Amino acid sequence: MSGLPSRALKDSVRPRRLLGASVRPLNFTVRAHSMGPRQLVQAWVETFNRADAGALASFYSEDAVNHQVAESPVQGRENIRQMFASAFASTKMDCIVENIFEEGQWAILEWRDPSGLRGCGLFHVVDGRIAFQRGYWDKLSFLRLHGLPMPEEM
């Protein structure tokens, strides 16, 4: 494979490596630019389900914004990593894909979790990384389903 031009190498790796394989942080940089938004979000889900905040953060651009509408926006890859690390430390979360739609640089993820919570996420992918993500889900239902404390302000 080393004799192939870099584009041919990326094209030859993409179909076989994504199907049923999980993304590893060391391989992500090589494969990121060959992934479309749909494939990137599928790999993101697999990494989310492993609760690997560091690997998950590698999907985001350095100055990315993650805005879960039930929370304040989080900007920057390191802050996004910290957000996921904190969330994974507080409860077990699983994302079951219902649908992933792709249009240009955008992917839309419709998801559910094993306890019945549902939501969706919009991912703007630029140069093989998530530049912006917005998530819609019911925070009160999430807190109740996971036995977490309710917010004091309503």
C-alpha atoms as a PDB file:
ATOM      1  CA  MET A   1       0.000   0.000   0.000  1.00  0.00           C
ATOM      2  CA  SER A   2       2.882   2.373   0.546  1.00  0.00           C
ATOM      3  CA  GLY A   3       3.324   2.790  -3.218  1.00  0.00           C
ATOM      4  CA  LEU A   4      -0.200   4.191  -3.694  1.00  0.00           C
ATOM      5  CA  PRO A   5      -0.752   7.950  -3.943  1.00  0.00           C
ATOM      6  CA  SER A   6      -2.167   9.393  -0.714  1.00  0.00           C
ATOM      7  CA  ARG A   7      -5.661   9.853  -2.229  1.00  0.00           C
ATOM      8  CA  ALA A   8      -5.746   6.212  -3.334  1.00  0.00           C
ATOM      9  CA  LEU A   9      -4.571   5.141   0.106  1.00  0.00           C
ATOM     10  CA  LYS A  10      -7.373   7.108   1.782  1.00  0.00           C
ATOM     11  CA  ASP A  11      -9.958   5.742  -0.667  1.00  0.00           C
ATOM     12  CA  SER A  12      -8.750   2.173  -0.203  1.00  0.00           C
ATOM     13  CA  VAL A  13      -8.913   2.415   3.598  1.00  0.00           C
ATOM     14  CA  ARG A  14     -12.245   4.171   3.974  1.00  0.00           C
ATOM     15  CA  PRO A  15     -14.837   1.522   3.057  1.00  0.00           C
ATOM     16  CA  ARG A  16     -13.219  -1.419   4.821  1.00  0.00           C
ATOM     17  CA  ARG A  17     -12.058   0.378   7.953  1.00  0.00           C
ATOM     18  CA  LEU A  18     -15.356   2.084   8.813  1.00  0.00           C
ATOM     19  CA  LEU A  19     -17.745  -0.844   8.612  1.00  0.00           C
ATOM     20  CA  GLY A  20     -18.077  -2.303  12.093  1.00  0.00           C
ATOM     21  CA  ALA A  21     -14.714  -0.914  13.218  1.00  0.00           C
ATOM     22  CA  SER A  22     -14.292   1.502  16.050  1.00  0.00           C
ATOM     23  CA  VAL A  23     -12.217   4.626  15.678  1.00  0.00           C
ATOM     24  CA  ARG A  24      -8.934   4.715  17.544  1.00  0.00           C
ATOM     25  CA  PRO A  25      -7.389   8.109  18.307  1.00  0.00           C
ATOM     26  CA  LEU A  26      -4.122   7.301  16.493  1.00  0.00           C
ATOM     27  CA  ASN A  27      -5.919   6.380  13.267  1.00  0.00           C
ATOM     28  CA  PHE A  28      -8.444   9.186  13.330  1.00  0.00           C
ATOM     29  CA  THR A  29      -6.188  11.823  11.762  1.00  0.00           C
ATOM     30  CA  VAL A  30      -5.384   9.549   8.827  1.00  0.00           C
ATOM     31  CA  ARG A  31      -9.037   8.705   8.171  1.00  0.00           C
ATOM     32  CA  ALA A  32     -10.770  11.955   9.132  1.00  0.00           C
ATOM     33  CA  HIS A  33     -10.380  13.722   5.826  1.00  0.00           C
ATOM     34  CA  SER A  34     -11.679  10.720   3.906  1.00  0.00           C
ATOM     35  CA  MET A  35     -14.842  10.450   6.029  1.00  0.00           C
ATOM     36  CA  GLY A  36     -18.006  12.211   5.011  1.00  0.00           C
ATOM     37  CA  PRO A  37     -20.172  13.727   7.742  1.00  0.00           C
ATOM     38  CA  ARG A  38     -22.346  10.596   7.989  1.00  0.00           C
ATOM     39  CA  GLN A  39     -19.370   8.262   8.462  1.00  0.00           C
ATOM     40  CA  LEU A  40     -17.740  10.652  10.918  1.00  0.00           C
ATOM     41  CA  VAL A  41     -20.902  10.792  13.055  1.00  0.00           C
ATOM     42  CA  GLN A  42     -21.185   6.988  13.005  1.00  0.00           C
ATOM     43  CA  ALA A  43     -17.589   6.769  14.254  1.00  0.00           C
ATOM     44  CA  TRP A  44     -18.361   9.497  16.820  1.00  0.00           C
ATOM     45  CA  VAL A  45     -21.272   7.394  18.167  1.00  0.00           C
ATOM     46  CA  GLU A  46     -19.039   4.320  18.502  1.00  0.00           C
ATOM     47  CA  THR A  47     -16.489   6.394  20.435  1.00  0.00           C
ATOM     48  CA  PHE A  48     -19.209   7.999  22.588  1.00  0.00           C
ATOM     49  CA  ASN A  49     -20.472   4.535  23.515  1.00  0.00           C
ATOM     50  CA  ARG A  50     -16.967   3.612  24.722  1.00  0.00           C
ATOM     51  CA  ALA A  51     -17.076   6.697  27.010  1.00  0.00           C
ATOM     52  CA  ASP A  52     -13.642   7.776  25.751  1.00  0.00           C
ATOM     53  CA  ALA A  53     -13.616  11.557  26.237  1.00  0.00           C
ATOM     54  CA  GLY A  54     -10.113  11.992  24.818  1.00  0.00           C
ATOM     55  CA  ALA A  55     -10.849  10.098  21.623  1.00  0.00           C
ATOM     56  CA  LEU A  56     -14.216  11.829  21.317  1.00  0.00           C
ATOM     57  CA  ALA A  57     -12.559  15.251  21.570  1.00  0.00           C
ATOM     58  CA  SER A  58     -10.278  14.321  18.658  1.00  0.00           C
ATOM     59  CA  PHE A  59     -13.304  14.484  16.357  1.00  0.00           C
ATOM     60  CA  TYR A  60     -13.622  18.252  16.963  1.00  0.00           C
ATOM     61  CA  SER A  61     -11.694  21.130  15.432  1.00  0.00           C
ATOM     62  CA  GLU A  62      -9.517  23.112  17.826  1.00  0.00           C
ATOM     63  CA  ASP A  63     -12.078  25.943  18.140  1.00  0.00           C
ATOM     64  CA  ALA A  64     -15.253  23.852  17.772  1.00  0.00           C
ATOM     65  CA  VAL A  65     -18.490  24.690  19.567  1.00  0.00           C
ATOM     66  CA  ASN A  66     -20.693  22.021  21.158  1.00  0.00           C
ATOM     67  CA  HIS A  67     -24.057  23.439  22.171  1.00  0.00           C
ATOM     68  CA  GLN A  68     -26.381  21.032  23.899  1.00  0.00           C
ATOM     69  CA  VAL A  69     -29.439  23.301  24.073  1.00  0.00           C
ATOM     70  CA  ALA A  70     -30.195  22.274  27.663  1.00  0.00           C
ATOM     71  CA  GLU A  71     -26.745  23.638  28.611  1.00  0.00           C
ATOM     72  CA  SER A  72     -24.515  26.601  27.777  1.00  0.00           C
ATOM     73  CA  PRO A  73     -22.371  26.282  24.630  1.00  0.00           C
ATOM     74  CA  VAL A  74     -18.896  24.811  25.138  1.00  0.00           C
ATOM     75  CA  GLN A  75     -16.100  26.138  22.922  1.00  0.00           C
ATOM     76  CA  GLY A  76     -12.712  24.572  22.215  1.00  0.00           C
ATOM     77  CA  ARG A  77     -11.573  20.964  21.884  1.00  0.00           C
ATOM     78  CA  GLU A  78     -10.135  20.766  25.412  1.00  0.00           C
ATOM     79  CA  ASN A  79     -13.306  22.205  26.988  1.00  0.00           C
ATOM     80  CA  ILE A  80     -15.384  19.738  24.972  1.00  0.00           C
ATOM     81  CA  ARG A  81     -13.161  16.901  26.219  1.00  0.00           C
ATOM     82  CA  GLN A  82     -13.706  18.077  29.799  1.00  0.00           C
ATOM     83  CA  MET A  83     -17.475  18.287  29.219  1.00  0.00           C
ATOM     84  CA  PHE A  84     -17.578  14.656  28.033  1.00  0.00           C
ATOM     85  CA  ALA A  85     -15.220  13.460  30.800  1.00  0.00           C
ATOM     86  CA  SER A  86     -17.487  15.026  33.420  1.00  0.00           C
ATOM     87  CA  ALA A  87     -20.639  13.571  31.840  1.00  0.00           C
ATOM     88  CA  PHE A  88     -19.136  10.073  31.542  1.00  0.00           C
ATOM     89  CA  ALA A  89     -17.995  10.242  35.192  1.00  0.00           C
ATOM     90  CA  SER A  90     -21.523  11.065  36.385  1.00  0.00           C
ATOM     91  CA  THR A  91     -23.515   8.352  34.596  1.00  0.00           C
ATOM     92  CA  LYS A  92     -23.444   5.575  32.009  1.00  0.00           C
ATOM     93  CA  MET A  93     -24.710   6.801  28.655  1.00  0.00           C
ATOM     94  CA  ASP A  94     -25.424   4.875  25.473  1.00  0.00           C
ATOM     95  CA  CYS A  95     -26.395   6.252  22.088  1.00  0.00           C
ATOM     96  CA  ILE A  96     -28.452   4.021  19.808  1.00  0.00           C
ATOM     97  CA  VAL A  97     -28.649   5.355  16.271  1.00  0.00           C
ATOM     98  CA  GLU A  98     -32.134   5.685  14.832  1.00  0.00           C
ATOM     99  CA  ASN A  99     -31.061   7.595  11.699  1.00  0.00           C
ATOM    100  CA  ILE A 100     -28.137   9.554  10.339  1.00  0.00           C
ATOM    101  CA  PHE A 101     -28.833  11.969   7.510  1.00  0.00           C
ATOM    102  CA  GLU A 102     -26.210  13.816   5.500  1.00  0.00           C
ATOM    103  CA  GLU A 103     -26.478  16.981   3.430  1.00  0.00           C
ATOM    104  CA  GLY A 104     -23.279  18.642   2.251  1.00  0.00           C
ATOM    105  CA  GLN A 105     -21.107  19.413   5.290  1.00  0.00           C
ATOM    106  CA  TRP A 106     -23.897  18.540   7.725  1.00  0.00           C
ATOM    107  CA  ALA A 107     -25.013  15.333   9.412  1.00  0.00           C
ATOM    108  CA  ILE A 108     -28.116  14.926  11.555  1.00  0.00           C
ATOM    109  CA  LEU A 109     -28.180  12.153  14.139  1.00  0.00           C
ATOM    110  CA  GLU A 110     -31.515  10.925  15.483  1.00  0.00           C
ATOM    111  CA  TRP A 111     -30.850   8.810  18.593  1.00  0.00           C
ATOM    112  CA  ARG A 112     -32.327   7.088  21.604  1.00  0.00           C
ATOM    113  CA  ASP A 113     -30.865   5.489  24.682  1.00  0.00           C
ATOM    114  CA  PRO A 114     -31.786   2.140  26.273  1.00  0.00           C
ATOM    115  CA  SER A 115     -34.083   3.810  28.813  1.00  0.00           C
ATOM    116  CA  GLY A 116     -36.178   5.533  26.147  1.00  0.00           C
ATOM    117  CA  LEU A 117     -34.724   9.054  26.094  1.00  0.00           C
ATOM    118  CA  ARG A 118     -34.659  10.437  22.550  1.00  0.00           C
ATOM    119  CA  GLY A 119     -32.884  13.323  20.925  1.00  0.00           C
ATOM    120  CA  CYS A 120     -31.113  14.578  17.863  1.00  0.00           C
ATOM    121  CA  GLY A 121     -27.807  16.196  17.071  1.00  0.00           C
ATOM    122  CA  LEU A 122     -26.699  18.410  14.216  1.00  0.00           C
ATOM    123  CA  PHE A 123     -23.030  18.207  13.235  1.00  0.00           C
ATOM    124  CA  HIS A 124     -21.275  20.678  10.929  1.00  0.00           C
ATOM    125  CA  VAL A 125     -18.172  18.924   9.597  1.00  0.00           C
ATOM    126  CA  VAL A 126     -15.401  21.055   8.062  1.00  0.00           C
ATOM    127  CA  ASP A 127     -12.111  19.569   6.843  1.00  0.00           C
ATOM    128  CA  GLY A 128     -12.915  16.215   8.441  1.00  0.00           C
ATOM    129  CA  ARG A 129     -13.639  17.553  11.934  1.00  0.00           C
ATOM    130  CA  ILE A 130     -16.728  18.694  13.799  1.00  0.00           C
ATOM    131  CA  ALA A 131     -16.724  22.500  13.782  1.00  0.00           C
ATOM    132  CA  PHE A 132     -20.154  22.885  15.377  1.00  0.00           C
ATOM    133  CA  GLN A 133     -22.559  20.534  17.117  1.00  0.00           C
ATOM    134  CA  ARG A 134     -25.998  21.248  18.514  1.00  0.00           C
ATOM    135  CA  GLY A 135     -27.940  18.672  20.497  1.00  0.00           C
ATOM    136  CA  TYR A 136     -31.626  18.580  21.390  1.00  0.00           C
ATOM    137  CA  TRP A 137     -32.818  16.362  24.260  1.00  0.00           C
ATOM    138  CA  ASP A 138     -34.994  16.646  27.378  1.00  0.00           C
ATOM    139  CA  LYS A 139     -32.724  17.408  30.329  1.00  0.00           C
ATOM    140  CA  LEU A 140     -35.339  16.715  33.029  1.00  0.00           C
ATOM    141  CA  SER A 141     -36.124  13.299  31.549  1.00  0.00           C
ATOM    142  CA  PHE A 142     -32.379  12.560  31.364  1.00  0.00           C
ATOM    143  CA  LEU A 143     -31.858  13.482  35.027  1.00  0.00           C
ATOM    144  CA  ARG A 144     -34.865  11.418  36.159  1.00  0.00           C
ATOM    145  CA  LEU A 145     -33.912   8.353  34.082  1.00  0.00           C
ATOM    146  CA  HIS A 146     -30.353   8.382  35.437  1.00  0.00           C
ATOM    147  CA  GLY A 147     -31.271   9.176  39.046  1.00  0.00           C
ATOM    148  CA  LEU A 148     -29.345  12.445  39.000  1.00  0.00           C
ATOM    149  CA  PRO A 149     -30.223  15.518  41.094  1.00  0.00           C
ATOM    150  CA  MET A 150     -32.763  17.954  39.709  1.00  0.00           C
ATOM    151  CA  PRO A 151     -31.773  21.575  39.136  1.00  0.00           C
ATOM    152  CA  GLU A 152     -32.939  23.933  41.873  1.00  0.00           C
ATOM    153  CA  GLU A 153     -34.015  26.715  39.497  1.00  0.00           C
ATOM    154  CA  MET A 154     -37.055  26.148  37.315  1.00  0.00           C
END
